[in-house]
Amino acid sequence: MTQTTTPELKVYGYMRSPRCLAAMVVAELCGMPAEMVDTHPAGSKDGFYDEPYHSNFPFGKVPGFSHGDLFLAETTAILSYIAALDDPLGLSGADIREKALVTQWVAWGTAMAFPTLQPWLDPIRNHGFYDKAAVAAARHETYELFAVLNKVLETRKYLVGGKLSLGDVMVATVVGRASKYIFDKRFRSANPNVFKHYELVASHPVYLKHAGAIEYVEEEAQPAAVLAWKAKEEAEEKLKAANARWVPTLLD
């Protein structure tokens, strides 16, 4: 009988999360495939984090990560730790300078890029309330932020050292998530280098295994609240048009 072993590395979260996806991809690239433990800590009945998860991960966020009796939170720490265990592809950088630059780009993806676009993205995914001004501001800030990344990628294939790194994986997971909802044809046209880089990383067999095929939205998706308002406006316009066409008769 064939005996199977449980992976030593565990990632707690869900694959829709760019940060969780990055951890799963990096673990396999480093030759240590991790187990994904489906976890939704914010979905507890009392509205707070469920106690078993919270006891190991006091910040209550995903991804969580465990390796034996080590429990880690924060994506930058998780990716760095995995690569420190074994890094056959040199994902963390070749020397101290490259390692610092790789960490910079991991942090950019997880702590700057994703939080910047979240107020734009979340209402579309029914996470939080729709605030028109907040969405407009987030859209503007996201365009500005990715214009900088697009400029950086004018002169390089990968972000650091001419080859795949932790930073490339983290940035690609953010771009991939947003591409399904808000990074539409107009956004892609404005940032061709960003999407050339994304497609390069996302076409790697390990990335494809975990993330699936590239998906692009043609037009920016709209929150349910916006669609409801538009439907209401259209109904009102139709009613006005019908009333304008109404001609009184002697029977009225």
Protein backbone atom coordinates (compact mmCIF):
# COMPACT_ATOMS: atom_id res chain seq x y z
CA MET A 1 0.00 0.00 0.00
CA THR A 2 1.33 3.42 -0.93
CA GLN A 3 1.86 5.64 2.08
CA THR A 4 1.24 9.34 1.71
CA THR A 5 2.75 12.05 3.85
CA THR A 6 1.18 15.30 4.92
CA PRO A 7 3.08 18.35 3.67
CA GLU A 8 5.11 20.00 6.41
CA LEU A 9 4.21 23.47 5.23
CA LYS A 10 0.65 24.70 5.65
CA VAL A 11 -0.92 27.87 4.30
CA TYR A 12 -4.18 28.94 5.96
CA GLY A 13 -6.53 30.94 3.79
CA TYR A 14 -8.13 30.59 0.36
CA MET A 15 -6.79 30.67 -3.19
CA ARG A 16 -8.78 33.77 -4.17
CA SER A 17 -6.44 35.75 -1.94
CA PRO A 18 -3.38 37.02 -3.85
CA ARG A 19 -1.29 36.70 -0.69
CA CYS A 20 -2.32 33.07 -0.12
CA LEU A 21 -1.74 32.25 -3.78
CA ALA A 22 1.75 33.75 -3.61
CA ALA A 23 2.64 31.55 -0.63
CA MET A 24 1.42 28.39 -2.39
CA VAL A 25 3.31 29.21 -5.59
CA VAL A 26 6.55 30.08 -3.79
CA ALA A 27 6.43 26.91 -1.68
CA GLU A 28 6.18 24.72 -4.76
CA LEU A 29 8.82 26.72 -6.66
CA CYS A 30 11.13 26.06 -3.71
CA GLY A 31 10.45 22.32 -3.95
CA MET A 32 8.29 22.13 -0.82
CA PRO A 33 4.62 22.08 -1.87
CA ALA A 34 2.40 23.38 0.91
CA GLU A 35 -1.03 22.23 1.99
CA MET A 36 -3.78 24.83 1.66
CA VAL A 37 -6.00 24.74 4.75
CA ASP A 38 -9.24 26.43 3.71
CA THR A 39 -9.72 29.13 6.33
CA HIS A 40 -12.07 32.10 6.61
CA PRO A 41 -11.30 33.52 10.04
CA ALA A 42 -13.56 36.55 9.73
CA GLY A 43 -16.63 34.41 9.11
CA SER A 44 -17.25 33.31 12.69
CA LYS A 45 -20.74 33.51 14.14
CA ASP A 46 -19.84 36.28 16.60
CA GLY A 47 -18.43 38.48 13.85
CA PHE A 48 -14.84 38.11 15.09
CA TYR A 49 -12.12 35.59 14.35
CA ASP A 50 -12.74 32.00 15.33
CA GLU A 51 -10.87 31.09 18.47
CA PRO A 52 -8.77 28.12 17.25
CA TYR A 53 -7.32 30.17 14.38
CA HIS A 54 -6.93 33.28 16.50
CA SER A 55 -4.98 31.37 19.15
CA ASN A 56 -2.20 30.62 16.65
CA PHE A 57 -2.56 33.79 14.58
CA PRO A 58 -3.47 36.64 16.95
CA PHE A 59 -3.72 39.19 14.12
CA GLY A 60 -6.52 37.07 12.67
CA LYS A 61 -5.59 37.61 9.03
CA VAL A 62 -4.85 35.31 6.11
CA PRO A 63 -2.57 33.94 5.02
CA GLY A 64 -1.45 32.20 8.11
CA PHE A 65 1.47 29.81 7.78
CA SER A 66 2.77 26.94 9.87
CA HIS A 67 5.87 24.77 9.74
CA GLY A 68 5.94 22.39 12.65
CA ASP A 69 5.47 24.48 15.78
CA LEU A 70 6.20 27.77 13.97
CA PHE A 71 3.20 29.96 13.20
CA LEU A 72 3.74 32.99 10.96
CA ALA A 73 1.59 35.83 9.70
CA GLU A 74 2.32 38.60 7.17
CA THR A 75 3.07 37.64 3.58
CA THR A 76 6.54 39.19 3.41
CA ALA A 77 7.68 37.12 6.39
CA ILE A 78 6.04 33.95 5.05
CA LEU A 79 7.60 34.16 1.58
CA SER A 80 11.02 35.03 3.01
CA TYR A 81 10.88 32.11 5.43
CA ILE A 82 9.89 29.59 2.75
CA ALA A 83 12.73 30.72 0.48
CA ALA A 84 15.18 30.60 3.40
CA LEU A 85 14.38 26.90 3.91
CA ASP A 86 15.42 26.04 0.37
CA ASP A 87 15.74 28.34 -2.61
CA PRO A 88 16.97 26.33 -5.60
CA LEU A 89 15.81 29.00 -8.07
CA GLY A 90 17.29 31.94 -6.18
CA LEU A 91 13.88 33.55 -5.71
CA SER A 92 15.06 35.62 -2.76
CA GLY A 93 18.00 37.21 -4.62
CA ALA A 94 21.63 36.40 -5.26
CA ASP A 95 23.24 38.72 -2.69
CA ILE A 96 22.34 41.13 0.09
CA ARG A 97 21.48 43.92 -2.35
CA GLU A 98 19.20 41.74 -4.45
CA LYS A 99 17.58 40.29 -1.34
CA ALA A 100 16.72 43.80 -0.17
CA LEU A 101 15.27 44.70 -3.58
CA VAL A 102 13.23 41.49 -3.71
CA THR A 103 11.82 42.24 -0.26
CA GLN A 104 11.00 45.75 -1.47
CA TRP A 105 8.86 44.39 -4.30
CA VAL A 106 7.13 41.80 -2.12
CA ALA A 107 6.22 44.61 0.28
CA TRP A 108 5.13 46.81 -2.63
CA GLY A 109 2.70 44.14 -3.80
CA THR A 110 1.24 43.13 -0.46
CA ALA A 111 1.39 46.39 1.51
CA MET A 112 1.06 49.08 -1.16
CA ALA A 113 -0.49 47.85 -4.42
CA PHE A 114 -3.22 45.61 -3.04
CA PRO A 115 -4.39 48.01 -0.29
CA THR A 116 -4.47 50.85 -2.84
CA LEU A 117 -6.78 49.03 -5.25
CA GLN A 118 -8.94 47.31 -2.60
CA PRO A 119 -11.43 50.20 -2.15
CA TRP A 120 -11.99 49.99 -5.91
CA LEU A 121 -12.16 46.19 -6.03
CA ASP A 122 -14.00 45.24 -2.84
CA PRO A 123 -17.45 46.73 -3.59
CA ILE A 124 -17.53 44.78 -6.84
CA ARG A 125 -16.97 41.60 -4.85
CA ASN A 126 -19.66 42.64 -2.32
CA HIS A 127 -17.05 43.24 0.36
CA GLY A 128 -17.97 46.45 2.11
CA PHE A 129 -20.18 49.34 1.10
CA TYR A 130 -19.99 51.16 -2.20
CA ASP A 131 -18.76 54.73 -1.83
CA LYS A 132 -18.56 56.50 -5.18
CA ALA A 133 -15.94 59.03 -4.04
CA ALA A 134 -13.78 56.34 -2.40
CA VAL A 135 -13.91 54.18 -5.53
CA ALA A 136 -12.99 57.13 -7.75
CA ALA A 137 -10.06 58.02 -5.49
CA ALA A 138 -8.82 54.43 -5.39
CA ARG A 139 -9.11 54.13 -9.17
CA HIS A 140 -7.05 57.31 -9.63
CA GLU A 141 -4.41 56.22 -7.11
CA THR A 142 -4.18 52.77 -8.68
CA TYR A 143 -3.62 54.24 -12.14
CA GLU A 144 -0.86 56.45 -10.73
CA LEU A 145 0.78 53.62 -8.79
CA PHE A 146 0.82 51.18 -11.69
CA ALA A 147 2.10 53.86 -14.06
CA VAL A 148 5.25 53.86 -11.90
CA LEU A 149 5.51 50.07 -12.11
CA ASN A 150 4.96 50.26 -15.86
CA LYS A 151 7.86 52.70 -16.14
CA VAL A 152 10.12 50.44 -14.08
CA LEU A 153 9.32 47.49 -16.33
CA GLU A 154 10.21 49.39 -19.50
CA THR A 155 13.83 48.34 -19.10
CA ARG A 156 13.63 44.96 -17.43
CA LYS A 157 12.02 41.57 -17.93
CA TYR A 158 11.82 40.73 -14.23
CA LEU A 159 11.83 43.07 -11.26
CA VAL A 160 15.20 42.06 -9.79
CA GLY A 161 18.31 40.41 -11.19
CA GLY A 162 16.97 39.41 -14.57
CA LYS A 163 15.14 36.33 -13.30
CA LEU A 164 12.05 35.25 -11.40
CA SER A 165 11.90 36.33 -7.77
CA LEU A 166 9.52 36.43 -4.82
CA GLY A 167 8.71 39.99 -5.83
CA ASP A 168 7.59 38.95 -9.30
CA VAL A 169 5.27 36.30 -7.86
CA MET A 170 3.71 38.68 -5.33
CA VAL A 171 3.12 41.44 -7.88
CA ALA A 172 1.69 38.98 -10.40
CA THR A 173 -0.86 37.65 -7.91
CA VAL A 174 -2.14 41.18 -7.28
CA VAL A 175 -2.36 41.98 -10.99
CA GLY A 176 -4.08 38.66 -11.68
CA ARG A 177 -6.74 39.23 -9.04
CA ALA A 178 -7.54 42.74 -10.24
CA SER A 179 -7.54 41.67 -13.91
CA LYS A 180 -10.66 39.58 -13.32
CA TYR A 181 -12.66 42.61 -12.19
CA ILE A 182 -11.17 46.08 -12.69
CA PHE A 183 -8.01 45.99 -14.81
CA ASP A 184 -9.94 46.28 -18.04
CA LYS A 185 -8.86 46.92 -21.61
CA ARG A 186 -8.30 50.63 -20.92
CA PHE A 187 -6.11 49.90 -17.88
CA ARG A 188 -4.11 47.28 -19.76
CA SER A 189 -3.55 49.65 -22.68
CA ALA A 190 -2.19 52.26 -20.28
CA ASN A 191 0.23 49.76 -18.69
CA PRO A 192 1.51 47.38 -21.37
CA ASN A 193 4.76 46.57 -19.57
CA VAL A 194 2.90 45.56 -16.42
CA PHE A 195 0.86 43.02 -18.34
CA LYS A 196 3.81 41.74 -20.34
CA HIS A 197 5.46 41.01 -17.00
CA TYR A 198 2.29 39.52 -15.54
CA GLU A 199 1.81 37.16 -18.49
CA LEU A 200 5.44 36.07 -18.25
CA VAL A 201 5.09 35.14 -14.58
CA ALA A 202 1.56 33.76 -14.87
CA SER A 203 2.60 31.42 -17.69
CA HIS A 204 5.06 29.56 -15.45
CA PRO A 205 3.78 25.98 -15.01
CA VAL A 206 3.78 26.18 -11.21
CA TYR A 207 1.90 29.48 -11.22
CA LEU A 208 -0.61 28.10 -13.72
CA LYS A 209 -1.15 25.02 -11.58
CA HIS A 210 -2.30 27.09 -8.63
CA ALA A 211 -3.85 30.15 -10.28
CA GLY A 212 -5.32 28.69 -13.44
CA ALA A 213 -5.39 30.37 -16.83
CA ILE A 214 -5.13 34.13 -17.20
CA GLU A 215 -8.51 35.89 -17.11
CA TYR A 216 -9.08 39.43 -18.34
CA VAL A 217 -12.19 41.56 -18.00
CA GLU A 218 -12.98 43.68 -21.04
CA GLU A 219 -14.89 46.38 -19.16
CA GLU A 220 -14.52 47.32 -15.52
CA ALA A 221 -17.06 45.36 -13.49
CA GLN A 222 -19.65 47.37 -11.62
CA PRO A 223 -20.79 46.95 -8.00
CA ALA A 224 -24.30 45.65 -7.45
CA ALA A 225 -25.30 49.04 -6.01
CA VAL A 226 -24.27 50.82 -9.20
CA LEU A 227 -26.08 48.30 -11.38
CA ALA A 228 -29.22 48.75 -9.26
CA TRP A 229 -29.03 52.53 -9.60
CA LYS A 230 -28.55 52.26 -13.36
CA ALA A 231 -31.51 49.90 -13.66
CA LYS A 232 -33.64 52.33 -11.63
CA GLU A 233 -32.57 55.28 -13.80
CA GLU A 234 -33.31 53.33 -16.97
CA ALA A 235 -36.76 52.38 -15.67
CA GLU A 236 -37.48 56.02 -14.79
CA GLU A 237 -36.35 57.18 -18.24
CA LYS A 238 -38.59 54.61 -19.91
CA LEU A 239 -41.52 55.77 -17.78
CA LYS A 240 -40.86 59.40 -18.70
CA ALA A 241 -40.66 58.49 -22.37
CA ALA A 242 -43.92 56.55 -22.16
CA ASN A 243 -45.64 59.46 -20.42
CA ALA A 244 -44.34 61.88 -23.06
CA ARG A 245 -45.89 59.75 -25.79
CA TRP A 246 -49.26 59.54 -24.02
CA VAL A 247 -52.00 61.51 -25.79
CA PRO A 248 -55.19 62.30 -23.82
CA THR A 249 -58.47 61.13 -25.35
CA LEU A 250 -62.09 61.91 -24.61
CA LEU A 251 -62.26 58.74 -22.56
CA ASP A 252 -59.45 59.83 -20.22
